Amino acid sequence: MVPTLVITEAAYLIGTRLGAEAEVRFLGDFAEGLFEVESVHPADWLRIAQLVARYRDWPLGTADASVVAAAERLNITRVATVDRRHFSAVRPKHVDAFELLP
């Protein structure tokens, strides 16, 4: 599951670090249905705001906070991320800590 708010951030990072061809392949993966896209639910917005406020000193941005909010709502405990520093410190409501991949 990929929250919609993460797609733009990931596409930007892929495009700037790996080039346009990699970004096109990434977007094509969504077109092929290889990833499930999770919309932001109305209640997620408040939780996202709470997380951004709580971790404002890092900062934990909206995209990362949307991952936490969706994971809490869907009872997901494993998160794939390259941002281990932030996600290892976040304390979700439903588990003591996320299992980080890879």
PDB file of N, CA and C in Angstrom:
ATOM      1  N   MET A   1       0.839  -1.168   0.000  1.00  0.00           N
ATOM      2  CA  MET A   1       0.000   0.000   0.000  1.00  0.00           C
ATOM      3  C   MET A   1       0.887   1.235   0.000  1.00  0.00           C
ATOM      4  N   VAL A   2       0.567   2.163  -0.870  1.00  0.00           N
ATOM      5  CA  VAL A   2       1.310   3.415  -0.951  1.00  0.00           C
ATOM      6  C   VAL A   2       0.318   4.565  -0.780  1.00  0.00           C
ATOM      7  N   PRO A   3       0.472   5.352   0.276  1.00  0.00           N
ATOM      8  CA  PRO A   3      -0.412   6.519   0.424  1.00  0.00           C
ATOM      9  C   PRO A   3      -0.209   7.497  -0.728  1.00  0.00           C
ATOM     10  N   THR A   4      -1.301   8.105  -1.186  1.00  0.00           N
ATOM     11  CA  THR A   4      -1.224   9.008  -2.333  1.00  0.00           C
ATOM     12  C   THR A   4      -0.223  10.142  -2.114  1.00  0.00           C
ATOM     13  N   LEU A   5      -0.105  10.631  -0.887  1.00  0.00           N
ATOM     14  CA  LEU A   5       0.795  11.746  -0.626  1.00  0.00           C
ATOM     15  C   LEU A   5       2.266  11.357  -0.775  1.00  0.00           C
ATOM     16  N   VAL A   6       2.560  10.084  -0.738  1.00  0.00           N
ATOM     17  CA  VAL A   6       3.936   9.608  -0.865  1.00  0.00           C
ATOM     18  C   VAL A   6       4.362   9.511  -2.330  1.00  0.00           C
ATOM     19  N   ILE A   7       3.420   9.294  -3.215  1.00  0.00           N
ATOM     20  CA  ILE A   7       3.750   9.051  -4.618  1.00  0.00           C
ATOM     21  C   ILE A   7       4.493  10.237  -5.231  1.00  0.00           C
ATOM     22  N   THR A   8       4.008  11.438  -5.014  1.00  0.00           N
ATOM     23  CA  THR A   8       4.658  12.611  -5.590  1.00  0.00           C
ATOM     24  C   THR A   8       6.058  12.800  -5.037  1.00  0.00           C
ATOM     25  N   GLU A   9       6.198  12.637  -3.723  1.00  0.00           N
ATOM     26  CA  GLU A   9       7.525  12.781  -3.103  1.00  0.00           C
ATOM     27  C   GLU A   9       8.496  11.721  -3.633  1.00  0.00           C
ATOM     28  N   ALA A  10       8.024  10.496  -3.732  1.00  0.00           N
ATOM     29  CA  ALA A  10       8.882   9.412  -4.236  1.00  0.00           C
ATOM     30  C   ALA A  10       9.241   9.639  -5.701  1.00  0.00           C
ATOM     31  N   ALA A  11       8.274  10.058  -6.502  1.00  0.00           N
ATOM     32  CA  ALA A  11       8.542  10.312  -7.921  1.00  0.00           C
ATOM     33  C   ALA A  11       9.576  11.418  -8.084  1.00  0.00           C
ATOM     34  N   TYR A  12       9.465  12.450  -7.270  1.00  0.00           N
ATOM     35  CA  TYR A  12      10.441  13.544  -7.325  1.00  0.00           C
ATOM     36  C   TYR A  12      11.847  13.038  -6.982  1.00  0.00           C
ATOM     37  N   LEU A  13      11.955  12.288  -5.896  1.00  0.00           N
ATOM     38  CA  LEU A  13      13.263  11.774  -5.487  1.00  0.00           C
ATOM     39  C   LEU A  13      13.853  10.833  -6.536  1.00  0.00           C
ATOM     40  N   ILE A  14      13.020   9.970  -7.075  1.00  0.00           N
ATOM     41  CA  ILE A  14      13.488   9.045  -8.112  1.00  0.00           C
ATOM     42  C   ILE A  14      13.947   9.828  -9.338  1.00  0.00           C
ATOM     43  N   GLY A  15      13.153  10.807  -9.747  1.00  0.00           N
ATOM     44  CA  GLY A  15      13.497  11.593 -10.922  1.00  0.00           C
ATOM     45  C   GLY A  15      14.775  12.395 -10.760  1.00  0.00           C
ATOM     46  N   THR A  16      14.963  12.998  -9.578  1.00  0.00           N
ATOM     47  CA  THR A  16      16.153  13.832  -9.373  1.00  0.00           C
ATOM     48  C   THR A  16      17.402  13.012  -9.104  1.00  0.00           C
ATOM     49  N   ARG A  17      17.251  11.828  -8.542  1.00  0.00           N
ATOM     50  CA  ARG A  17      18.423  11.022  -8.199  1.00  0.00           C
ATOM     51  C   ARG A  17      18.752   9.942  -9.219  1.00  0.00           C
ATOM     52  N   LEU A  18      17.720   9.419  -9.874  1.00  0.00           N
ATOM     53  CA  LEU A  18      17.940   8.315 -10.813  1.00  0.00           C
ATOM     54  C   LEU A  18      17.604   8.670 -12.250  1.00  0.00           C
ATOM     55  N   GLY A  19      16.942   9.795 -12.448  1.00  0.00           N
ATOM     56  CA  GLY A  19      16.637  10.248 -13.803  1.00  0.00           C
ATOM     57  C   GLY A  19      15.193  10.015 -14.210  1.00  0.00           C
ATOM     58  N   ALA A  20      14.848  10.659 -15.310  1.00  0.00           N
ATOM     59  CA  ALA A  20      13.472  10.628 -15.804  1.00  0.00           C
ATOM     60  C   ALA A  20      13.018   9.221 -16.187  1.00  0.00           C
ATOM     61  N   GLU A  21      13.925   8.430 -16.742  1.00  0.00           N
ATOM     62  CA  GLU A  21      13.547   7.076 -17.158  1.00  0.00           C
ATOM     63  C   GLU A  21      13.096   6.234 -15.962  1.00  0.00           C
ATOM     64  N   ALA A  22      13.806   6.350 -14.857  1.00  0.00           N
ATOM     65  CA  ALA A  22      13.425   5.617 -13.644  1.00  0.00           C
ATOM     66  C   ALA A  22      12.089   6.131 -13.109  1.00  0.00           C
ATOM     67  N   GLU A  23      11.884   7.425 -13.186  1.00  0.00           N
ATOM     68  CA  GLU A  23      10.607   7.994 -12.730  1.00  0.00           C
ATOM     69  C   GLU A  23       9.450   7.482 -13.583  1.00  0.00           C
ATOM     70  N   VAL A  24       9.662   7.414 -14.884  1.00  0.00           N
ATOM     71  CA  VAL A  24       8.633   6.898 -15.794  1.00  0.00           C
ATOM     72  C   VAL A  24       8.310   5.441 -15.461  1.00  0.00           C
ATOM     73  N   ARG A  25       9.335   4.631 -15.201  1.00  0.00           N
ATOM     74  CA  ARG A  25       9.104   3.221 -14.828  1.00  0.00           C
ATOM     75  C   ARG A  25       8.320   3.128 -13.524  1.00  0.00           C
ATOM     76  N   PHE A  26       8.680   3.968 -12.548  1.00  0.00           N
ATOM     77  CA  PHE A  26       7.971   3.997 -11.263  1.00  0.00           C
ATOM     78  C   PHE A  26       6.492   4.301 -11.481  1.00  0.00           C
ATOM     79  N   LEU A  27       6.190   5.312 -12.263  1.00  0.00           N
ATOM     80  CA  LEU A  27       4.801   5.670 -12.530  1.00  0.00           C
ATOM     81  C   LEU A  27       4.089   4.573 -13.314  1.00  0.00           C
ATOM     82  N   GLY A  28       4.807   3.936 -14.215  1.00  0.00           N
ATOM     83  CA  GLY A  28       4.230   2.824 -14.967  1.00  0.00           C
ATOM     84  C   GLY A  28       3.839   1.661 -14.073  1.00  0.00           C
ATOM     85  N   ASP A  29       4.598   1.457 -12.993  1.00  0.00           N
ATOM     86  CA  ASP A  29       4.252   0.394 -12.045  1.00  0.00           C
ATOM     87  C   ASP A  29       2.871   0.621 -11.446  1.00  0.00           C
ATOM     88  N   PHE A  30       2.522   1.878 -11.203  1.00  0.00           N
ATOM     89  CA  PHE A  30       1.174   2.179 -10.692  1.00  0.00           C
ATOM     90  C   PHE A  30       0.127   1.910 -11.759  1.00  0.00           C
ATOM     91  N   ALA A  31       0.435   2.279 -12.995  1.00  0.00           N
ATOM     92  CA  ALA A  31      -0.498   2.043 -14.099  1.00  0.00           C
ATOM     93  C   ALA A  31      -0.765   0.556 -14.288  1.00  0.00           C
ATOM     94  N   GLU A  32       0.245  -0.268 -14.013  1.00  0.00           N
ATOM     95  CA  GLU A  32       0.091  -1.717 -14.152  1.00  0.00           C
ATOM     96  C   GLU A  32      -0.563  -2.362 -12.931  1.00  0.00           C
ATOM     97  N   GLY A  33      -0.799  -1.576 -11.894  1.00  0.00           N
ATOM     98  CA  GLY A  33      -1.445  -2.118 -10.696  1.00  0.00           C
ATOM     99  C   GLY A  33      -0.503  -2.864  -9.773  1.00  0.00           C
ATOM    100  N   LEU A  34       0.801  -2.598  -9.868  1.00  0.00           N
ATOM    101  CA  LEU A  34       1.762  -3.298  -9.025  1.00  0.00           C
ATOM    102  C   LEU A  34       1.747  -2.800  -7.581  1.00  0.00           C
ATOM    103  N   PHE A  35       1.222  -1.596  -7.379  1.00  0.00           N
ATOM    104  CA  PHE A  35       1.104  -1.044  -6.032  1.00  0.00           C
ATOM    105  C   PHE A  35      -0.352  -0.694  -5.765  1.00  0.00           C
ATOM    106  N   GLU A  36      -0.778  -0.912  -4.553  1.00  0.00           N
ATOM    107  CA  GLU A  36      -2.106  -0.487  -4.127  1.00  0.00           C
ATOM    108  C   GLU A  36      -1.983   0.935  -3.595  1.00  0.00           C
ATOM    109  N   VAL A  37      -2.784   1.835  -4.129  1.00  0.00           N
ATOM    110  CA  VAL A  37      -2.756   3.235  -3.718  1.00  0.00           C
ATOM    111  C   VAL A  37      -3.819   3.458  -2.646  1.00  0.00           C
ATOM    112  N   GLU A  38      -3.404   4.058  -1.540  1.00  0.00           N
ATOM    113  CA  GLU A  38      -4.305   4.319  -0.423  1.00  0.00           C
ATOM    114  C   GLU A  38      -4.585   5.813  -0.337  1.00  0.00           C
ATOM    115  N   SER A  39      -5.839   6.174  -0.479  1.00  0.00           N
ATOM    116  CA  SER A  39      -6.241   7.575  -0.367  1.00  0.00           C
ATOM    117  C   SER A  39      -6.187   8.030   1.082  1.00  0.00           C
ATOM    118  N   VAL A  40      -6.066   9.324   1.254  1.00  0.00           N
ATOM    119  CA  VAL A  40      -6.119   9.908   2.589  1.00  0.00           C
ATOM    120  C   VAL A  40      -7.585   9.980   2.997  1.00  0.00           C
ATOM    121  N   HIS A  41      -7.926   9.354   4.102  1.00  0.00           N
ATOM    122  CA  HIS A  41      -9.293   9.407   4.617  1.00  0.00           C
ATOM    123  C   HIS A  41      -9.477  10.684   5.423  1.00  0.00           C
ATOM    124  N   PRO A  42     -10.705  11.158   5.545  1.00  0.00           N
ATOM    125  CA  PRO A  42     -10.933  12.409   6.287  1.00  0.00           C
ATOM    126  C   PRO A  42     -10.314  12.420   7.687  1.00  0.00           C
ATOM    127  N   ALA A  43     -10.428  11.335   8.430  1.00  0.00           N
ATOM    128  CA  ALA A  43      -9.861  11.292   9.785  1.00  0.00           C
ATOM    129  C   ALA A  43      -8.332  11.286   9.767  1.00  0.00           C
ATOM    130  N   ASP A  44      -7.737  10.851   8.659  1.00  0.00           N
ATOM    131  CA  ASP A  44      -6.277  10.839   8.553  1.00  0.00           C
ATOM    132  C   ASP A  44      -5.698  12.245   8.629  1.00  0.00           C
ATOM    133  N   TRP A  45      -6.410  13.223   8.100  1.00  0.00           N
ATOM    134  CA  TRP A  45      -5.867  14.589   8.061  1.00  0.00           C
ATOM    135  C   TRP A  45      -5.558  15.108   9.458  1.00  0.00           C
ATOM    136  N   LEU A  46      -6.459  14.854  10.399  1.00  0.00           N
ATOM    137  CA  LEU A  46      -6.213  15.294  11.779  1.00  0.00           C
ATOM    138  C   LEU A  46      -5.013  14.553  12.359  1.00  0.00           C
ATOM    139  N   ARG A  47      -4.925  13.251  12.127  1.00  0.00           N
ATOM    140  CA  ARG A  47      -3.797  12.482  12.635  1.00  0.00           C
ATOM    141  C   ARG A  47      -2.489  12.936  11.993  1.00  0.00           C
ATOM    142  N   ILE A  48      -2.509  13.220  10.707  1.00  0.00           N
ATOM    143  CA  ILE A  48      -1.322  13.734  10.023  1.00  0.00           C
ATOM    144  C   ILE A  48      -0.878  15.038  10.674  1.00  0.00           C
ATOM    145  N   ALA A  49      -1.821  15.930  10.922  1.00  0.00           N
ATOM    146  CA  ALA A  49      -1.499  17.211  11.568  1.00  0.00           C
ATOM    147  C   ALA A  49      -0.924  16.995  12.964  1.00  0.00           C
ATOM    148  N   GLN A  50      -1.497  16.049  13.716  1.00  0.00           N
ATOM    149  CA  GLN A  50      -0.980  15.749  15.065  1.00  0.00           C
ATOM    150  C   GLN A  50       0.468  15.256  14.994  1.00  0.00           C
ATOM    151  N   LEU A  51       0.748  14.384  14.056  1.00  0.00           N
ATOM    152  CA  LEU A  51       2.096  13.830  13.916  1.00  0.00           C
ATOM    153  C   LEU A  51       3.101  14.896  13.480  1.00  0.00           C
ATOM    154  N   VAL A  52       2.716  15.732  12.528  1.00  0.00           N
ATOM    155  CA  VAL A  52       3.606  16.808  12.078  1.00  0.00           C
ATOM    156  C   VAL A  52       3.907  17.741  13.243  1.00  0.00           C
ATOM    157  N   ALA A  53       2.894  18.051  14.050  1.00  0.00           N
ATOM    158  CA  ALA A  53       3.099  18.923  15.217  1.00  0.00           C
ATOM    159  C   ALA A  53       3.980  18.249  16.264  1.00  0.00           C
ATOM    160  N   ARG A  54       3.710  16.994  16.543  1.00  0.00           N
ATOM    161  CA  ARG A  54       4.464  16.281  17.580  1.00  0.00           C
ATOM    162  C   ARG A  54       5.947  16.151  17.225  1.00  0.00           C
ATOM    163  N   TYR A  55       6.233  15.878  15.951  1.00  0.00           N
ATOM    164  CA  TYR A  55       7.607  15.643  15.527  1.00  0.00           C
ATOM    165  C   TYR A  55       8.143  16.832  14.716  1.00  0.00           C
ATOM    166  N   ARG A  56       7.707  18.023  15.039  1.00  0.00           N
ATOM    167  CA  ARG A  56       8.063  19.218  14.266  1.00  0.00           C
ATOM    168  C   ARG A  56       9.555  19.519  14.284  1.00  0.00           C
ATOM    169  N   ASP A  57      10.279  19.067  15.290  1.00  0.00           N
ATOM    170  CA  ASP A  57      11.703  19.377  15.385  1.00  0.00           C
ATOM    171  C   ASP A  57      12.560  18.581  14.396  1.00  0.00           C
ATOM    172  N   TRP A  58      12.044  17.515  13.787  1.00  0.00           N
ATOM    173  CA  TRP A  58      12.847  16.707  12.866  1.00  0.00           C
ATOM    174  C   TRP A  58      13.038  17.342  11.521  1.00  0.00           C
ATOM    175  N   PRO A  59      12.130  17.737  10.754  1.00  0.00           N
ATOM    176  CA  PRO A  59      10.691  17.604  10.854  1.00  0.00           C
ATOM    177  C   PRO A  59      10.188  16.300  10.219  1.00  0.00           C
ATOM    178  N   LEU A  60       9.060  15.832  10.725  1.00  0.00           N
ATOM    179  CA  LEU A  60       8.339  14.734  10.088  1.00  0.00           C
ATOM    180  C   LEU A  60       7.335  15.400   9.156  1.00  0.00           C
ATOM    181  N   GLY A  61       7.497  15.236   7.880  1.00  0.00           N
ATOM    182  CA  GLY A  61       6.643  15.923   6.919  1.00  0.00           C
ATOM    183  C   GLY A  61       5.305  15.243   6.715  1.00  0.00           C
ATOM    184  N   THR A  62       4.494  15.891   5.932  1.00  0.00           N
ATOM    185  CA  THR A  62       3.141  15.418   5.653  1.00  0.00           C
ATOM    186  C   THR A  62       3.141  14.040   5.004  1.00  0.00           C
ATOM    187  N   ALA A  63       4.023  13.805   4.049  1.00  0.00           N
ATOM    188  CA  ALA A  63       4.045  12.509   3.360  1.00  0.00           C
ATOM    189  C   ALA A  63       4.359  11.385   4.340  1.00  0.00           C
ATOM    190  N   ASP A  64       5.399  11.550   5.156  1.00  0.00           N
ATOM    191  CA  ASP A  64       5.743  10.514   6.135  1.00  0.00           C
ATOM    192  C   ASP A  64       4.632  10.338   7.163  1.00  0.00           C
ATOM    193  N   ALA A  65       4.046  11.434   7.597  1.00  0.00           N
ATOM    194  CA  ALA A  65       2.952  11.341   8.565  1.00  0.00           C
ATOM    195  C   ALA A  65       1.749  10.623   7.955  1.00  0.00           C
ATOM    196  N   SER A  66       1.544  10.761   6.647  1.00  0.00           N
ATOM    197  CA  SER A  66       0.428  10.055   6.007  1.00  0.00           C
ATOM    198  C   SER A  66       0.652   8.556   6.003  1.00  0.00           C
ATOM    199  N   VAL A  67       1.910   8.132   5.944  1.00  0.00           N
ATOM    200  CA  VAL A  67       2.226   6.706   6.037  1.00  0.00           C
ATOM    201  C   VAL A  67       1.837   6.183   7.413  1.00  0.00           C
ATOM    202  N   VAL A  68       2.198   6.921   8.439  1.00  0.00           N
ATOM    203  CA  VAL A  68       1.873   6.522   9.814  1.00  0.00           C
ATOM    204  C   VAL A  68       0.365   6.467  10.007  1.00  0.00           C
ATOM    205  N   ALA A  69      -0.338   7.501   9.565  1.00  0.00           N
ATOM    206  CA  ALA A  69      -1.794   7.556   9.734  1.00  0.00           C
ATOM    207  C   ALA A  69      -2.484   6.392   9.032  1.00  0.00           C
ATOM    208  N   ALA A  70      -2.081   6.115   7.798  1.00  0.00           N
ATOM    209  CA  ALA A  70      -2.684   5.005   7.055  1.00  0.00           C
ATOM    210  C   ALA A  70      -2.343   3.670   7.707  1.00  0.00           C
ATOM    211  N   ALA A  71      -1.109   3.515   8.140  1.00  0.00           N
ATOM    212  CA  ALA A  71      -0.706   2.262   8.796  1.00  0.00           C
ATOM    213  C   ALA A  71      -1.502   2.038  10.073  1.00  0.00           C
ATOM    214  N   GLU A  72      -1.706   3.083  10.830  1.00  0.00           N
ATOM    215  CA  GLU A  72      -2.518   2.944  12.054  1.00  0.00           C
ATOM    216  C   GLU A  72      -3.945   2.536  11.713  1.00  0.00           C
ATOM    217  N   ARG A  73      -4.532   3.191  10.725  1.00  0.00           N
ATOM    218  CA  ARG A  73      -5.924   2.913  10.351  1.00  0.00           C
ATOM    219  C   ARG A  73      -6.084   1.499   9.814  1.00  0.00           C
ATOM    220  N   LEU A  74      -5.088   1.021   9.074  1.00  0.00           N
ATOM    221  CA  LEU A  74      -5.168  -0.295   8.436  1.00  0.00           C
ATOM    222  C   LEU A  74      -4.482  -1.392   9.245  1.00  0.00           C
ATOM    223  N   ASN A  75      -3.977  -1.040  10.415  1.00  0.00           N
ATOM    224  CA  ASN A  75      -3.286  -1.981  11.297  1.00  0.00           C
ATOM    225  C   ASN A  75      -2.076  -2.626  10.611  1.00  0.00           C
ATOM    226  N   ILE A  76      -1.321  -1.814   9.903  1.00  0.00           N
ATOM    227  CA  ILE A  76      -0.109  -2.262   9.219  1.00  0.00           C
ATOM    228  C   ILE A  76       1.068  -2.018  10.148  1.00  0.00           C
ATOM    229  N   THR A  77       1.932  -3.010  10.279  1.00  0.00           N
ATOM    230  CA  THR A  77       3.060  -2.888  11.203  1.00  0.00           C
ATOM    231  C   THR A  77       4.412  -2.830  10.498  1.00  0.00           C
ATOM    232  N   ARG A  78       4.449  -3.148   9.206  1.00  0.00           N
ATOM    233  CA  ARG A  78       5.705  -3.156   8.449  1.00  0.00           C
ATOM    234  C   ARG A  78       5.699  -1.992   7.459  1.00  0.00           C
ATOM    235  N   VAL A  79       6.785  -1.212   7.457  1.00  0.00           N
ATOM    236  CA  VAL A  79       6.886  -0.044   6.587  1.00  0.00           C
ATOM    237  C   VAL A  79       8.183  -0.133   5.790  1.00  0.00           C
ATOM    238  N   ALA A  80       8.077   0.012   4.471  1.00  0.00           N
ATOM    239  CA  ALA A  80       9.256   0.081   3.616  1.00  0.00           C
ATOM    240  C   ALA A  80       9.668   1.544   3.507  1.00  0.00           C
ATOM    241  N   THR A  81      10.915   1.829   3.865  1.00  0.00           N
ATOM    242  CA  THR A  81      11.380   3.212   3.856  1.00  0.00           C
ATOM    243  C   THR A  81      12.894   3.282   3.747  1.00  0.00           C
ATOM    244  N   VAL A  82      13.373   4.376   3.190  1.00  0.00           N
ATOM    245  CA  VAL A  82      14.800   4.666   3.241  1.00  0.00           C
ATOM    246  C   VAL A  82      15.087   5.662   4.369  1.00  0.00           C
ATOM    247  N   ASP A  83      14.032   6.126   5.010  1.00  0.00           N
ATOM    248  CA  ASP A  83      14.138   7.103   6.102  1.00  0.00           C
ATOM    249  C   ASP A  83      14.021   6.382   7.448  1.00  0.00           C
ATOM    250  N   ARG A  84      14.982   5.551   7.740  1.00  0.00           N
ATOM    251  CA  ARG A  84      14.952   4.752   8.967  1.00  0.00           C
ATOM    252  C   ARG A  84      15.007   5.635  10.223  1.00  0.00           C
ATOM    253  N   ARG A  85      15.718   6.731  10.134  1.00  0.00           N
ATOM    254  CA  ARG A  85      15.876   7.607  11.304  1.00  0.00           C
ATOM    255  C   ARG A  85      14.516   8.100  11.808  1.00  0.00           C
ATOM    256  N   HIS A  86      13.697   8.603  10.915  1.00  0.00           N
ATOM    257  CA  HIS A  86      12.394   9.114  11.333  1.00  0.00           C
ATOM    258  C   HIS A  86      11.440   7.989  11.736  1.00  0.00           C
ATOM    259  N   PHE A  87      11.351   6.970  10.890  1.00  0.00           N
ATOM    260  CA  PHE A  87      10.366   5.928  11.161  1.00  0.00           C
ATOM    261  C   PHE A  87      10.735   5.048  12.351  1.00  0.00           C
ATOM    262  N   SER A  88      12.008   4.978  12.708  1.00  0.00           N
ATOM    263  CA  SER A  88      12.364   4.205  13.900  1.00  0.00           C
ATOM    264  C   SER A  88      12.037   4.968  15.181  1.00  0.00           C
ATOM    265  N   ALA A  89      11.902   6.266  15.096  1.00  0.00           N
ATOM    266  CA  ALA A  89      11.601   7.075  16.278  1.00  0.00           C
ATOM    267  C   ALA A  89      10.107   7.344  16.467  1.00  0.00           C
ATOM    268  N   VAL A  90       9.326   7.260  15.396  1.00  0.00           N
ATOM    269  CA  VAL A  90       7.881   7.499  15.491  1.00  0.00           C
ATOM    270  C   VAL A  90       7.237   6.393  16.312  1.00  0.00           C
ATOM    271  N   ARG A  91       6.332   6.773  17.174  1.00  0.00           N
ATOM    272  CA  ARG A  91       5.591   5.812  17.981  1.00  0.00           C
ATOM    273  C   ARG A  91       4.133   5.773  17.534  1.00  0.00           C
ATOM    274  N   PRO A  92       3.806   4.786  16.688  1.00  0.00           N
ATOM    275  CA  PRO A  92       2.416   4.673  16.226  1.00  0.00           C
ATOM    276  C   PRO A  92       1.499   4.239  17.355  1.00  0.00           C
ATOM    277  N   LYS A  93       0.213   4.484  17.169  1.00  0.00           N
ATOM    278  CA  LYS A  93      -0.779   4.159  18.198  1.00  0.00           C
ATOM    279  C   LYS A  93      -1.004   2.659  18.366  1.00  0.00           C
ATOM    280  N   HIS A  94      -0.837   1.894  17.305  1.00  0.00           N
ATOM    281  CA  HIS A  94      -1.278   0.500  17.313  1.00  0.00           C
ATOM    282  C   HIS A  94      -0.177  -0.523  17.618  1.00  0.00           C
ATOM    283  N   VAL A  95       1.088  -0.102  17.604  1.00  0.00           N
ATOM    284  CA  VAL A  95       2.200  -0.988  17.932  1.00  0.00           C
ATOM    285  C   VAL A  95       3.287  -0.149  18.623  1.00  0.00           C
ATOM    286  N   ASP A  96       4.201  -0.835  19.285  1.00  0.00           N
ATOM    287  CA  ASP A  96       5.286  -0.092  19.936  1.00  0.00           C
ATOM    288  C   ASP A  96       6.197   0.597  18.935  1.00  0.00           C
ATOM    289  N   ALA A  97       6.440  -0.068  17.806  1.00  0.00           N
ATOM    290  CA  ALA A  97       7.295   0.494  16.765  1.00  0.00           C
ATOM    291  C   ALA A  97       6.997  -0.255  15.459  1.00  0.00           C
ATOM    292  N   PHE A  98       7.317   0.404  14.357  1.00  0.00           N
ATOM    293  CA  PHE A  98       7.167  -0.246  13.053  1.00  0.00           C
ATOM    294  C   PHE A  98       8.329  -1.198  12.814  1.00  0.00           C
ATOM    295  N   GLU A  99       8.061  -2.272  12.094  1.00  0.00           N
ATOM    296  CA  GLU A  99       9.115  -3.110  11.538  1.00  0.00           C
ATOM    297  C   GLU A  99       9.521  -2.450  10.228  1.00  0.00           C
ATOM    298  N   LEU A 100      10.773  -2.028  10.124  1.00  0.00           N
ATOM    299  CA  LEU A 100      11.216  -1.295   8.952  1.00  0.00           C
ATOM    300  C   LEU A 100      11.862  -2.207   7.928  1.00  0.00           C
ATOM    301  N   LEU A 101      11.495  -2.001   6.681  1.00  0.00           N
ATOM    302  CA  LEU A 101      12.031  -2.761   5.555  1.00  0.00           C
ATOM    303  C   LEU A 101      12.736  -1.797   4.627  1.00  0.00           C
ATOM    304  N   PRO A 102      13.714  -2.080   3.903  1.00  0.00           N
ATOM    305  CA  PRO A 102      14.485  -3.316   3.952  1.00  0.00           C
ATOM    306  C   PRO A 102      15.439  -3.310   5.120  1.00  0.00           C
TER     307      PRO A 102
END
